[in-house]
């Protein structure tokens, strides 16, 4: 027998305001057709007054706990992935912890931008496997609209705000059973040599400002397709599973063309890829758990399914995790 982190439930949250491509075209020099052709995005949600990373994260966490049928008091670990925290410190995870009323356990943030949820998931999984925690909330939450240059049409049309969360619980399973539930394998990477391709031009110790997102889209696309395909192969090799066994791929929702190109590199049929980028745009660390929750709630992802999560973000950072639901 071995201890695994079992996914017990998921939840998500979006701001109230939905911004269509038509509305974006009134703000910057762009069109609905241009955005759809290059990204697949049709709309995104933008945080308004009183909507912060912590409020969205808290709402997603509460919905995940409700879906899992678990009281917040059982949670002894919160790992929150975000590039847009409420404050420089303390960690936004501690705000969520206090909102939920489960103070006293472990709570911290992870900063790996769009790959943040994969980093948070692997971290929580490791802590559960080693016995440091028994019940964890893994959250991805962003208010990326706060760091966008709304005069830069190459970036501001790509992103949205939102949050997604899953509940992990320790359970002993038969490690020789290929159908045993839980997180099976994860692989993470980073390469700081490509900082200038996707970054924010501000920071506490440099400019003393928040800064704005800057990106060289063509170069990011090229690295994303290669890195994601490679890390997916790594996870499959580590887990002993084959690509044909995967029921669903839940990718980071950056750009429809990246999703399509990555799937084709692995000979994965398009119908096995969960796509929400058209509705939510790129919500950075929130995009993977947000897409997962959508697919669980609409009935596509079911108990027993083999699901691959993957993402790449600024840094560059990238990773993938395989789990049996």
C-alpha atoms as a PDB file:
ATOM      1  CA  UNK A   1       0.000   0.000   0.000  1.00  0.00           C
ATOM      2  CA  UNK A   2       1.050   3.576  -0.611  1.00  0.00           C
ATOM      3  CA  UNK A   3      -0.371   6.982   0.273  1.00  0.00           C
ATOM      4  CA  UNK A   4      -1.765   9.028  -2.581  1.00  0.00           C
ATOM      5  CA  UNK A   5      -3.409  12.435  -2.862  1.00  0.00           C
ATOM      6  CA  UNK A   6      -6.969  11.791  -4.074  1.00  0.00           C
ATOM      7  CA  UNK A   7      -8.944  14.544  -5.829  1.00  0.00           C
ATOM      8  CA  UNK A   8     -12.168  14.763  -3.825  1.00  0.00           C
ATOM      9  CA  UNK A   9     -13.804  17.808  -5.395  1.00  0.00           C
ATOM     10  CA  UNK A  10     -13.327  20.930  -7.465  1.00  0.00           C
ATOM     11  CA  UNK A  11     -14.695  24.442  -7.632  1.00  0.00           C
ATOM     12  CA  UNK A  12     -14.234  27.660  -9.579  1.00  0.00           C
ATOM     13  CA  UNK A  13     -15.160  31.330  -9.520  1.00  0.00           C
ATOM     14  CA  UNK A  14     -15.333  34.154 -12.057  1.00  0.00           C
ATOM     15  CA  UNK A  15     -15.816  37.900 -11.697  1.00  0.00           C
ATOM     16  CA  UNK A  16     -19.237  39.310 -12.518  1.00  0.00           C
ATOM     17  CA  UNK A  17     -18.174  41.358 -15.535  1.00  0.00           C
ATOM     18  CA  UNK A  18     -17.864  39.546 -18.858  1.00  0.00           C
ATOM     19  CA  UNK A  19     -15.967  41.454 -21.552  1.00  0.00           C
ATOM     20  CA  UNK A  20     -16.558  40.353 -25.146  1.00  0.00           C
ATOM     21  CA  UNK A  21     -14.205  40.841 -28.067  1.00  0.00           C
ATOM     22  CA  UNK A  22     -16.590  43.473 -29.401  1.00  0.00           C
ATOM     23  CA  UNK A  23     -16.106  45.473 -26.208  1.00  0.00           C
ATOM     24  CA  UNK A  24     -12.332  45.011 -26.431  1.00  0.00           C
ATOM     25  CA  UNK A  25     -12.458  46.436 -29.955  1.00  0.00           C
ATOM     26  CA  UNK A  26     -13.854  49.655 -28.482  1.00  0.00           C
ATOM     27  CA  UNK A  27     -10.881  49.887 -26.101  1.00  0.00           C
ATOM     28  CA  UNK A  28      -7.920  49.032 -28.367  1.00  0.00           C
ATOM     29  CA  UNK A  29      -7.184  48.723 -32.084  1.00  0.00           C
ATOM     30  CA  UNK A  30      -8.442  45.181 -32.661  1.00  0.00           C
ATOM     31  CA  UNK A  31     -11.417  43.214 -33.950  1.00  0.00           C
ATOM     32  CA  UNK A  32     -13.400  40.177 -32.895  1.00  0.00           C
ATOM     33  CA  UNK A  33     -12.187  38.339 -35.998  1.00  0.00           C
ATOM     34  CA  UNK A  34      -8.516  39.155 -35.316  1.00  0.00           C
ATOM     35  CA  UNK A  35      -8.693  37.869 -31.737  1.00  0.00           C
ATOM     36  CA  UNK A  36     -10.582  34.678 -32.612  1.00  0.00           C
ATOM     37  CA  UNK A  37      -8.322  33.823 -35.554  1.00  0.00           C
ATOM     38  CA  UNK A  38      -5.115  34.153 -33.531  1.00  0.00           C
ATOM     39  CA  UNK A  39      -6.196  32.923 -30.112  1.00  0.00           C
ATOM     40  CA  UNK A  40      -9.654  31.324 -30.161  1.00  0.00           C
ATOM     41  CA  UNK A  41     -10.771  33.741 -27.423  1.00  0.00           C
ATOM     42  CA  UNK A  42     -14.299  35.178 -27.622  1.00  0.00           C
ATOM     43  CA  UNK A  43     -14.682  36.690 -24.144  1.00  0.00           C
ATOM     44  CA  UNK A  44     -13.048  37.010 -20.739  1.00  0.00           C
ATOM     45  CA  UNK A  45     -14.033  38.024 -17.190  1.00  0.00           C
ATOM     46  CA  UNK A  46     -12.555  41.102 -15.539  1.00  0.00           C
ATOM     47  CA  UNK A  47     -12.519  41.749 -11.791  1.00  0.00           C
ATOM     48  CA  UNK A  48     -14.430  44.770 -10.569  1.00  0.00           C
ATOM     49  CA  UNK A  49     -14.590  46.668  -7.297  1.00  0.00           C
ATOM     50  CA  UNK A  50     -14.334  44.347  -4.320  1.00  0.00           C
ATOM     51  CA  UNK A  51     -13.235  41.385  -6.448  1.00  0.00           C
ATOM     52  CA  UNK A  52      -9.669  40.378  -5.624  1.00  0.00           C
ATOM     53  CA  UNK A  53      -7.469  37.337  -5.997  1.00  0.00           C
ATOM     54  CA  UNK A  54      -8.361  36.267  -2.458  1.00  0.00           C
ATOM     55  CA  UNK A  55     -12.127  36.709  -2.876  1.00  0.00           C
ATOM     56  CA  UNK A  56     -12.124  34.664  -6.076  1.00  0.00           C
ATOM     57  CA  UNK A  57      -9.858  32.036  -4.489  1.00  0.00           C
ATOM     58  CA  UNK A  58     -12.071  31.812  -1.415  1.00  0.00           C
ATOM     59  CA  UNK A  59     -15.212  31.337  -3.492  1.00  0.00           C
ATOM     60  CA  UNK A  60     -13.578  28.627  -5.612  1.00  0.00           C
ATOM     61  CA  UNK A  61     -12.286  26.899  -2.466  1.00  0.00           C
ATOM     62  CA  UNK A  62     -15.714  26.903  -0.828  1.00  0.00           C
ATOM     63  CA  UNK A  63     -17.272  25.376  -3.932  1.00  0.00           C
ATOM     64  CA  UNK A  64     -14.550  22.715  -4.070  1.00  0.00           C
ATOM     65  CA  UNK A  65     -15.102  21.822  -0.412  1.00  0.00           C
ATOM     66  CA  UNK A  66     -18.856  21.623  -0.978  1.00  0.00           C
ATOM     67  CA  UNK A  67     -18.336  19.330  -3.964  1.00  0.00           C
ATOM     68  CA  UNK A  68     -16.021  17.138  -1.879  1.00  0.00           C
ATOM     69  CA  UNK A  69     -18.421  17.086   1.056  1.00  0.00           C
ATOM     70  CA  UNK A  70     -15.563  18.114   3.357  1.00  0.00           C
ATOM     71  CA  UNK A  71     -15.673  20.731   6.112  1.00  0.00           C
ATOM     72  CA  UNK A  72     -13.112  23.542   5.947  1.00  0.00           C
ATOM     73  CA  UNK A  73     -11.941  22.580   9.438  1.00  0.00           C
ATOM     74  CA  UNK A  74     -10.386  19.400   7.972  1.00  0.00           C
ATOM     75  CA  UNK A  75      -8.061  21.379   5.675  1.00  0.00           C
ATOM     76  CA  UNK A  76      -4.507  21.424   7.039  1.00  0.00           C
ATOM     77  CA  UNK A  77      -2.735  22.681   3.902  1.00  0.00           C
ATOM     78  CA  UNK A  78      -3.478  25.452   1.409  1.00  0.00           C
ATOM     79  CA  UNK A  79      -1.180  25.996  -1.561  1.00  0.00           C
ATOM     80  CA  UNK A  80      -2.279  28.956  -3.670  1.00  0.00           C
ATOM     81  CA  UNK A  81      -0.715  29.622  -7.063  1.00  0.00           C
ATOM     82  CA  UNK A  82      -0.835  33.243  -8.184  1.00  0.00           C
ATOM     83  CA  UNK A  83       1.195  35.954  -9.890  1.00  0.00           C
ATOM     84  CA  UNK A  84      -1.240  38.618  -8.686  1.00  0.00           C
ATOM     85  CA  UNK A  85      -1.435  38.375  -4.878  1.00  0.00           C
ATOM     86  CA  UNK A  86      -3.565  40.725  -2.802  1.00  0.00           C
ATOM     87  CA  UNK A  87      -0.459  42.041  -1.052  1.00  0.00           C
ATOM     88  CA  UNK A  88       3.309  41.701  -1.356  1.00  0.00           C
ATOM     89  CA  UNK A  89       2.969  39.852   1.947  1.00  0.00           C
ATOM     90  CA  UNK A  90       1.474  38.017   3.729  1.00  0.00           C
ATOM     91  CA  UNK A  91       0.655  35.195   1.338  1.00  0.00           C
ATOM     92  CA  UNK A  92      -2.807  35.352  -0.188  1.00  0.00           C
ATOM     93  CA  UNK A  93      -3.216  31.723   0.930  1.00  0.00           C
ATOM     94  CA  UNK A  94      -3.307  32.933   4.540  1.00  0.00           C
ATOM     95  CA  UNK A  95      -6.152  35.325   3.690  1.00  0.00           C
ATOM     96  CA  UNK A  96      -8.084  32.449   2.132  1.00  0.00           C
ATOM     97  CA  UNK A  97      -7.303  30.293   5.159  1.00  0.00           C
ATOM     98  CA  UNK A  98      -8.738  32.932   7.483  1.00  0.00           C
ATOM     99  CA  UNK A  99     -11.804  33.418   5.249  1.00  0.00           C
ATOM    100  CA  UNK A 100     -12.497  29.689   5.451  1.00  0.00           C
ATOM    101  CA  UNK A 101     -11.923  29.548   9.198  1.00  0.00           C
ATOM    102  CA  UNK A 102      -9.272  26.839   9.142  1.00  0.00           C
ATOM    103  CA  UNK A 103      -6.391  28.775  10.720  1.00  0.00           C
ATOM    104  CA  UNK A 104      -3.442  26.907  12.191  1.00  0.00           C
ATOM    105  CA  UNK A 105      -2.444  24.656   9.318  1.00  0.00           C
ATOM    106  CA  UNK A 106       0.048  25.280   6.511  1.00  0.00           C
ATOM    107  CA  UNK A 107      -0.717  28.047   4.005  1.00  0.00           C
ATOM    108  CA  UNK A 108       1.551  29.614   1.404  1.00  0.00           C
ATOM    109  CA  UNK A 109       1.654  30.970  -2.148  1.00  0.00           C
ATOM    110  CA  UNK A 110       3.498  29.584  -5.165  1.00  0.00           C
ATOM    111  CA  UNK A 111       4.739  31.930  -7.898  1.00  0.00           C
ATOM    112  CA  UNK A 112       5.212  30.130 -11.210  1.00  0.00           C
ATOM    113  CA  UNK A 113       2.792  32.216 -13.312  1.00  0.00           C
ATOM    114  CA  UNK A 114       0.748  30.079 -15.731  1.00  0.00           C
ATOM    115  CA  UNK A 115       2.416  26.881 -14.481  1.00  0.00           C
ATOM    116  CA  UNK A 116       1.637  27.807 -10.903  1.00  0.00           C
ATOM    117  CA  UNK A 117      -1.187  25.348 -10.406  1.00  0.00           C
ATOM    118  CA  UNK A 118       1.027  22.451 -11.581  1.00  0.00           C
ATOM    119  CA  UNK A 119       3.746  23.542  -9.149  1.00  0.00           C
ATOM    120  CA  UNK A 120       1.160  23.862  -6.363  1.00  0.00           C
ATOM    121  CA  UNK A 121      -0.359  20.467  -7.153  1.00  0.00           C
ATOM    122  CA  UNK A 122       3.015  18.703  -7.142  1.00  0.00           C
ATOM    123  CA  UNK A 123       3.956  20.415  -3.880  1.00  0.00           C
ATOM    124  CA  UNK A 124       0.720  19.476  -2.118  1.00  0.00           C
ATOM    125  CA  UNK A 125       0.966  15.926  -3.465  1.00  0.00           C
ATOM    126  CA  UNK A 126       4.494  15.579  -2.063  1.00  0.00           C
ATOM    127  CA  UNK A 127       3.432  16.904   1.345  1.00  0.00           C
ATOM    128  CA  UNK A 128       0.523  14.479   1.492  1.00  0.00           C
ATOM    129  CA  UNK A 129       2.706  11.546   0.447  1.00  0.00           C
ATOM    130  CA  UNK A 130       5.201  12.351   3.228  1.00  0.00           C
ATOM    131  CA  UNK A 131       2.502  12.770   5.860  1.00  0.00           C
ATOM    132  CA  UNK A 132       2.898  16.527   6.419  1.00  0.00           C
ATOM    133  CA  UNK A 133      -0.746  17.052   5.465  1.00  0.00           C
ATOM    134  CA  UNK A 134      -3.882  14.963   5.154  1.00  0.00           C
ATOM    135  CA  UNK A 135      -6.327  17.330   3.452  1.00  0.00           C
ATOM    136  CA  UNK A 136      -5.224  20.085   1.087  1.00  0.00           C
ATOM    137  CA  UNK A 137      -6.742  22.867  -0.949  1.00  0.00           C
ATOM    138  CA  UNK A 138      -4.788  23.528  -4.141  1.00  0.00           C
ATOM    139  CA  UNK A 139      -5.872  26.797  -5.705  1.00  0.00           C
ATOM    140  CA  UNK A 140      -5.004  28.814  -8.794  1.00  0.00           C
ATOM    141  CA  UNK A 141      -6.312  32.376  -8.660  1.00  0.00           C
ATOM    142  CA  UNK A 142      -5.524  35.514 -10.633  1.00  0.00           C
ATOM    143  CA  UNK A 143      -6.585  39.087 -11.256  1.00  0.00           C
ATOM    144  CA  UNK A 144      -4.308  39.476 -14.263  1.00  0.00           C
ATOM    145  CA  UNK A 145      -6.298  42.492 -15.433  1.00  0.00           C
ATOM    146  CA  UNK A 146      -4.414  44.491 -12.769  1.00  0.00           C
ATOM    147  CA  UNK A 147      -1.065  44.016 -14.552  1.00  0.00           C
ATOM    148  CA  UNK A 148      -2.181  44.450 -18.165  1.00  0.00           C
ATOM    149  CA  UNK A 149      -1.241  47.349 -20.398  1.00  0.00           C
ATOM    150  CA  UNK A 150      -4.656  48.215 -21.792  1.00  0.00           C
ATOM    151  CA  UNK A 151      -3.024  50.078 -24.693  1.00  0.00           C
ATOM    152  CA  UNK A 152      -1.133  46.975 -25.842  1.00  0.00           C
ATOM    153  CA  UNK A 153      -3.473  44.951 -28.028  1.00  0.00           C
ATOM    154  CA  UNK A 154      -0.996  42.064 -28.295  1.00  0.00           C
ATOM    155  CA  UNK A 155      -1.389  41.255 -24.587  1.00  0.00           C
ATOM    156  CA  UNK A 156      -4.527  42.833 -23.124  1.00  0.00           C
ATOM    157  CA  UNK A 157      -6.886  40.776 -25.324  1.00  0.00           C
ATOM    158  CA  UNK A 158      -5.343  37.500 -24.130  1.00  0.00           C
ATOM    159  CA  UNK A 159      -5.976  37.478 -20.393  1.00  0.00           C
ATOM    160  CA  UNK A 160      -8.834  37.267 -17.923  1.00  0.00           C
ATOM    161  CA  UNK A 161      -9.450  36.883 -14.206  1.00  0.00           C
ATOM    162  CA  UNK A 162     -10.734  33.887 -12.262  1.00  0.00           C
ATOM    163  CA  UNK A 163      -9.979  31.091  -9.812  1.00  0.00           C
ATOM    164  CA  UNK A 164     -10.119  27.322  -9.623  1.00  0.00           C
ATOM    165  CA  UNK A 165      -9.549  24.917  -6.725  1.00  0.00           C
ATOM    166  CA  UNK A 166      -9.363  21.228  -5.951  1.00  0.00           C
ATOM    167  CA  UNK A 167      -9.485  19.335  -2.658  1.00  0.00           C
ATOM    168  CA  UNK A 168      -6.850  16.644  -2.137  1.00  0.00           C
ATOM    169  CA  UNK A 169      -7.141  14.029   0.609  1.00  0.00           C
ATOM    170  CA  UNK A 170      -4.674  11.373   1.704  1.00  0.00           C
ATOM    171  CA  UNK A 171      -5.729   7.790   1.057  1.00  0.00           C
ATOM    172  CA  UNK A 172      -3.893   4.480   1.099  1.00  0.00           C
ATOM    173  CA  UNK A 173      -4.134   2.657  -2.235  1.00  0.00           C
ATOM    174  CA  UNK A 174      -2.659  -0.450  -3.827  1.00  0.00           C
ATOM    175  CA  UNK A 175       0.273   0.897  -5.814  1.00  0.00           C
ATOM    176  CA  UNK A 176       0.116  -2.116  -8.142  1.00  0.00           C
ATOM    177  CA  UNK A 177      -3.475  -1.381  -9.119  1.00  0.00           C
ATOM    178  CA  UNK A 178      -3.449   0.595 -12.427  1.00  0.00           C
ATOM    179  CA  UNK A 179      -6.960   1.848 -11.648  1.00  0.00           C
ATOM    180  CA  UNK A 180      -6.069   3.212  -8.183  1.00  0.00           C
ATOM    181  CA  UNK A 181      -7.167   6.840  -7.807  1.00  0.00           C
ATOM    182  CA  UNK A 182      -4.995   9.845  -7.029  1.00  0.00           C
ATOM    183  CA  UNK A 183      -2.088  11.841  -8.374  1.00  0.00           C
ATOM    184  CA  UNK A 184       0.180   9.339 -10.112  1.00  0.00           C
ATOM    185  CA  UNK A 185       3.153  11.329 -11.402  1.00  0.00           C
ATOM    186  CA  UNK A 186       4.296  14.922 -11.891  1.00  0.00           C
ATOM    187  CA  UNK A 187       7.234  16.589 -13.642  1.00  0.00           C
ATOM    188  CA  UNK A 188       8.237  20.256 -13.348  1.00  0.00           C
ATOM    189  CA  UNK A 189      10.832  22.376 -15.160  1.00  0.00           C
ATOM    190  CA  UNK A 190      12.120  25.936 -15.400  1.00  0.00           C
ATOM    191  CA  UNK A 191      14.539  27.831 -17.633  1.00  0.00           C
ATOM    192  CA  UNK A 192      15.347  31.371 -16.548  1.00  0.00           C
ATOM    193  CA  UNK A 193      17.268  32.098 -19.744  1.00  0.00           C
ATOM    194  CA  UNK A 194      14.039  33.177 -21.443  1.00  0.00           C
ATOM    195  CA  UNK A 195      12.941  35.835 -18.973  1.00  0.00           C
ATOM    196  CA  UNK A 196      12.677  38.528 -21.646  1.00  0.00           C
ATOM    197  CA  UNK A 197      10.114  36.597 -23.686  1.00  0.00           C
ATOM    198  CA  UNK A 198       7.329  36.765 -21.088  1.00  0.00           C
ATOM    199  CA  UNK A 199       7.632  38.936 -17.993  1.00  0.00           C
ATOM    200  CA  UNK A 200       6.292  41.889 -15.995  1.00  0.00           C
ATOM    201  CA  UNK A 201       8.389  45.073 -16.224  1.00  0.00           C
ATOM    202  CA  UNK A 202       8.115  45.951 -12.538  1.00  0.00           C
ATOM    203  CA  UNK A 203       8.844  44.568  -9.098  1.00  0.00           C
ATOM    204  CA  UNK A 204       9.405  45.366  -5.447  1.00  0.00           C
ATOM    205  CA  UNK A 205      13.223  45.294  -5.510  1.00  0.00           C
ATOM    206  CA  UNK A 206      13.693  46.783  -8.995  1.00  0.00           C
ATOM    207  CA  UNK A 207      11.222  49.515  -9.870  1.00  0.00           C
ATOM    208  CA  UNK A 208       9.053  49.605  -6.759  1.00  0.00           C
ATOM    209  CA  UNK A 209       6.021  49.326  -9.039  1.00  0.00           C
ATOM    210  CA  UNK A 210       3.632  46.543 -10.018  1.00  0.00           C
ATOM    211  CA  UNK A 211       4.590  46.734 -13.692  1.00  0.00           C
ATOM    212  CA  UNK A 212       2.813  45.446 -16.792  1.00  0.00           C
ATOM    213  CA  UNK A 213       2.890  42.193 -18.756  1.00  0.00           C
ATOM    214  CA  UNK A 214       5.267  42.123 -21.738  1.00  0.00           C
ATOM    215  CA  UNK A 215       5.414  39.229 -24.169  1.00  0.00           C
ATOM    216  CA  UNK A 216       6.986  38.137 -27.453  1.00  0.00           C
ATOM    217  CA  UNK A 217       4.175  35.897 -28.583  1.00  0.00           C
ATOM    218  CA  UNK A 218       5.790  34.084 -31.494  1.00  0.00           C
ATOM    219  CA  UNK A 219       8.772  32.927 -29.447  1.00  0.00           C
ATOM    220  CA  UNK A 220       6.548  31.893 -26.522  1.00  0.00           C
ATOM    221  CA  UNK A 221       4.392  29.806 -28.866  1.00  0.00           C
ATOM    222  CA  UNK A 222       7.423  27.928 -30.213  1.00  0.00           C
ATOM    223  CA  UNK A 223       8.805  27.108 -26.766  1.00  0.00           C
ATOM    224  CA  UNK A 224       5.368  26.185 -25.405  1.00  0.00           C
ATOM    225  CA  UNK A 225       4.608  23.516 -27.991  1.00  0.00           C
ATOM    226  CA  UNK A 226       8.023  21.869 -27.637  1.00  0.00           C
ATOM    227  CA  UNK A 227       8.244  22.039 -23.838  1.00  0.00           C
ATOM    228  CA  UNK A 228       4.706  20.837 -23.215  1.00  0.00           C
ATOM    229  CA  UNK A 229       4.988  17.889 -25.577  1.00  0.00           C
ATOM    230  CA  UNK A 230       8.261  16.849 -23.923  1.00  0.00           C
ATOM    231  CA  UNK A 231       6.990  17.076 -20.342  1.00  0.00           C
ATOM    232  CA  UNK A 232       3.847  15.125 -21.222  1.00  0.00           C
ATOM    233  CA  UNK A 233       6.038  12.337 -22.582  1.00  0.00           C
ATOM    234  CA  UNK A 234       8.126  12.441 -19.386  1.00  0.00           C
ATOM    235  CA  UNK A 235       5.075  11.983 -17.177  1.00  0.00           C
ATOM    236  CA  UNK A 236       3.741   9.142 -19.303  1.00  0.00           C
ATOM    237  CA  UNK A 237       7.111   7.376 -19.205  1.00  0.00           C
ATOM    238  CA  UNK A 238       7.385   7.842 -15.430  1.00  0.00           C
ATOM    239  CA  UNK A 239       3.853   6.607 -14.798  1.00  0.00           C
ATOM    240  CA  UNK A 240       4.039   3.636 -17.150  1.00  0.00           C
ATOM    241  CA  UNK A 241       0.935   4.782 -19.014  1.00  0.00           C
ATOM    242  CA  UNK A 242       0.479   5.351 -22.736  1.00  0.00           C
ATOM    243  CA  UNK A 243      -1.000   8.439 -24.413  1.00  0.00           C
ATOM    244  CA  UNK A 244      -3.823   6.287 -25.756  1.00  0.00           C
ATOM    245  CA  UNK A 245      -4.935   5.531 -22.183  1.00  0.00           C
ATOM    246  CA  UNK A 246      -5.561   9.202 -21.341  1.00  0.00           C
ATOM    247  CA  UNK A 247      -9.246  10.038 -21.095  1.00  0.00           C
ATOM    248  CA  UNK A 248      -8.815  13.801 -20.851  1.00  0.00           C
ATOM    249  CA  UNK A 249      -6.087  16.412 -21.179  1.00  0.00           C
ATOM    250  CA  UNK A 250      -6.719  19.585 -19.152  1.00  0.00           C
ATOM    251  CA  UNK A 251      -4.197  22.116 -20.473  1.00  0.00           C
ATOM    252  CA  UNK A 252      -3.327  25.665 -19.577  1.00  0.00           C
ATOM    253  CA  UNK A 253      -5.722  27.790 -21.607  1.00  0.00           C
ATOM    254  CA  UNK A 254      -3.261  30.190 -23.240  1.00  0.00           C
ATOM    255  CA  UNK A 255      -4.106  29.991 -26.905  1.00  0.00           C
ATOM    256  CA  UNK A 256      -6.178  27.547 -28.930  1.00  0.00           C
ATOM    257  CA  UNK A 257      -3.365  27.099 -31.439  1.00  0.00           C
ATOM    258  CA  UNK A 258      -0.981  25.973 -28.676  1.00  0.00           C
ATOM    259  CA  UNK A 259      -3.556  23.479 -27.391  1.00  0.00           C
ATOM    260  CA  UNK A 260      -4.090  22.087 -30.873  1.00  0.00           C
ATOM    261  CA  UNK A 261      -0.386  21.890 -31.760  1.00  0.00           C
ATOM    262  CA  UNK A 262       0.533  20.151 -28.477  1.00  0.00           C
ATOM    263  CA  UNK A 263      -2.237  17.564 -28.889  1.00  0.00           C
ATOM    264  CA  UNK A 264      -1.137  16.806 -32.453  1.00  0.00           C
ATOM    265  CA  UNK A 265       2.479  16.288 -31.360  1.00  0.00           C
ATOM    266  CA  UNK A 266       1.283  13.503 -29.044  1.00  0.00           C
ATOM    267  CA  UNK A 267      -1.329  12.113 -31.474  1.00  0.00           C
ATOM    268  CA  UNK A 268      -4.073  12.986 -28.998  1.00  0.00           C
ATOM    269  CA  UNK A 269      -7.521  13.466 -30.548  1.00  0.00           C
ATOM    270  CA  UNK A 270      -8.941  16.974 -30.191  1.00  0.00           C
ATOM    271  CA  UNK A 271     -12.085  15.636 -28.539  1.00  0.00           C
ATOM    272  CA  UNK A 272      -9.997  14.541 -25.513  1.00  0.00           C
ATOM    273  CA  UNK A 273      -8.726  18.085 -24.849  1.00  0.00           C
ATOM    274  CA  UNK A 274     -10.738  20.303 -22.499  1.00  0.00           C
ATOM    275  CA  UNK A 275     -10.965  23.781 -24.040  1.00  0.00           C
ATOM    276  CA  UNK A 276     -12.313  26.806 -22.174  1.00  0.00           C
ATOM    277  CA  UNK A 277     -10.017  29.511 -23.594  1.00  0.00           C
ATOM    278  CA  UNK A 278     -12.879  30.762 -25.765  1.00  0.00           C
ATOM    279  CA  UNK A 279     -14.943  31.616 -22.663  1.00  0.00           C
ATOM    280  CA  UNK A 280     -12.327  32.557 -20.075  1.00  0.00           C
ATOM    281  CA  UNK A 281      -9.228  33.614 -22.060  1.00  0.00           C
ATOM    282  CA  UNK A 282      -5.886  33.032 -20.312  1.00  0.00           C
ATOM    283  CA  UNK A 283      -6.418  33.133 -16.548  1.00  0.00           C
ATOM    284  CA  UNK A 284      -2.806  32.161 -15.850  1.00  0.00           C
ATOM    285  CA  UNK A 285      -2.510  29.917 -12.753  1.00  0.00           C
ATOM    286  CA  UNK A 286      -6.309  29.648 -12.570  1.00  0.00           C
ATOM    287  CA  UNK A 287      -6.795  28.246 -16.055  1.00  0.00           C
ATOM    288  CA  UNK A 288      -6.082  24.548 -15.400  1.00  0.00           C
ATOM    289  CA  UNK A 289      -8.271  24.113 -12.273  1.00  0.00           C
ATOM    290  CA  UNK A 290     -10.953  26.343 -13.807  1.00  0.00           C
ATOM    291  CA  UNK A 291     -11.090  24.198 -16.960  1.00  0.00           C
ATOM    292  CA  UNK A 292     -11.036  21.017 -14.863  1.00  0.00           C
ATOM    293  CA  UNK A 293     -13.987  22.173 -12.784  1.00  0.00           C
ATOM    294  CA  UNK A 294     -15.974  23.074 -15.899  1.00  0.00           C
ATOM    295  CA  UNK A 295     -15.415  19.601 -17.365  1.00  0.00           C
ATOM    296  CA  UNK A 296     -16.266  17.850 -14.083  1.00  0.00           C
ATOM    297  CA  UNK A 297     -19.471  19.801 -13.618  1.00  0.00           C
ATOM    298  CA  UNK A 298     -20.693  19.330 -17.194  1.00  0.00           C
ATOM    299  CA  UNK A 299     -20.162  15.574 -16.870  1.00  0.00           C
ATOM    300  CA  UNK A 300     -17.251  15.059 -19.238  1.00  0.00           C
ATOM    301  CA  UNK A 301     -14.697  14.099 -16.585  1.00  0.00           C
ATOM    302  CA  UNK A 302     -15.951  11.250 -14.430  1.00  0.00           C
ATOM    303  CA  UNK A 303     -14.711   9.133 -11.562  1.00  0.00           C
ATOM    304  CA  UNK A 304     -12.147   6.635 -12.807  1.00  0.00           C
ATOM    305  CA  UNK A 305     -10.942   8.799 -15.712  1.00  0.00           C
ATOM    306  CA  UNK A 306      -7.234   9.220 -16.354  1.00  0.00           C
ATOM    307  CA  UNK A 307      -6.547  12.952 -16.625  1.00  0.00           C
ATOM    308  CA  UNK A 308      -3.405  14.804 -17.679  1.00  0.00           C
ATOM    309  CA  UNK A 309      -2.845  18.377 -16.497  1.00  0.00           C
ATOM    310  CA  UNK A 310      -0.237  20.552 -18.226  1.00  0.00           C
ATOM    311  CA  UNK A 311       0.908  24.182 -18.388  1.00  0.00           C
ATOM    312  CA  UNK A 312       3.730  26.531 -19.355  1.00  0.00           C
ATOM    313  CA  UNK A 313       4.249  30.085 -18.172  1.00  0.00           C
ATOM    314  CA  UNK A 314       6.681  32.941 -17.805  1.00  0.00           C
ATOM    315  CA  UNK A 315      10.065  32.140 -16.431  1.00  0.00           C
ATOM    316  CA  UNK A 316       9.892  29.880 -18.388  1.00  0.00           C
ATOM    317  CA  UNK A 317       8.260  27.343 -16.108  1.00  0.00           C
ATOM    318  CA  UNK A 318       6.370  24.275 -17.276  1.00  0.00           C
ATOM    319  CA  UNK A 319       5.040  21.011 -15.960  1.00  0.00           C
ATOM    320  CA  UNK A 320       2.496  18.214 -16.129  1.00  0.00           C
ATOM    321  CA  UNK A 321       0.691  15.861 -13.742  1.00  0.00           C
ATOM    322  CA  UNK A 322      -1.220  12.659 -14.336  1.00  0.00           C
ATOM    323  CA  UNK A 323      -4.079  11.693 -12.022  1.00  0.00           C
ATOM    324  CA  UNK A 324      -6.774   9.059 -11.795  1.00  0.00           C
ATOM    325  CA  UNK A 325      -9.972  10.790 -10.707  1.00  0.00           C
END
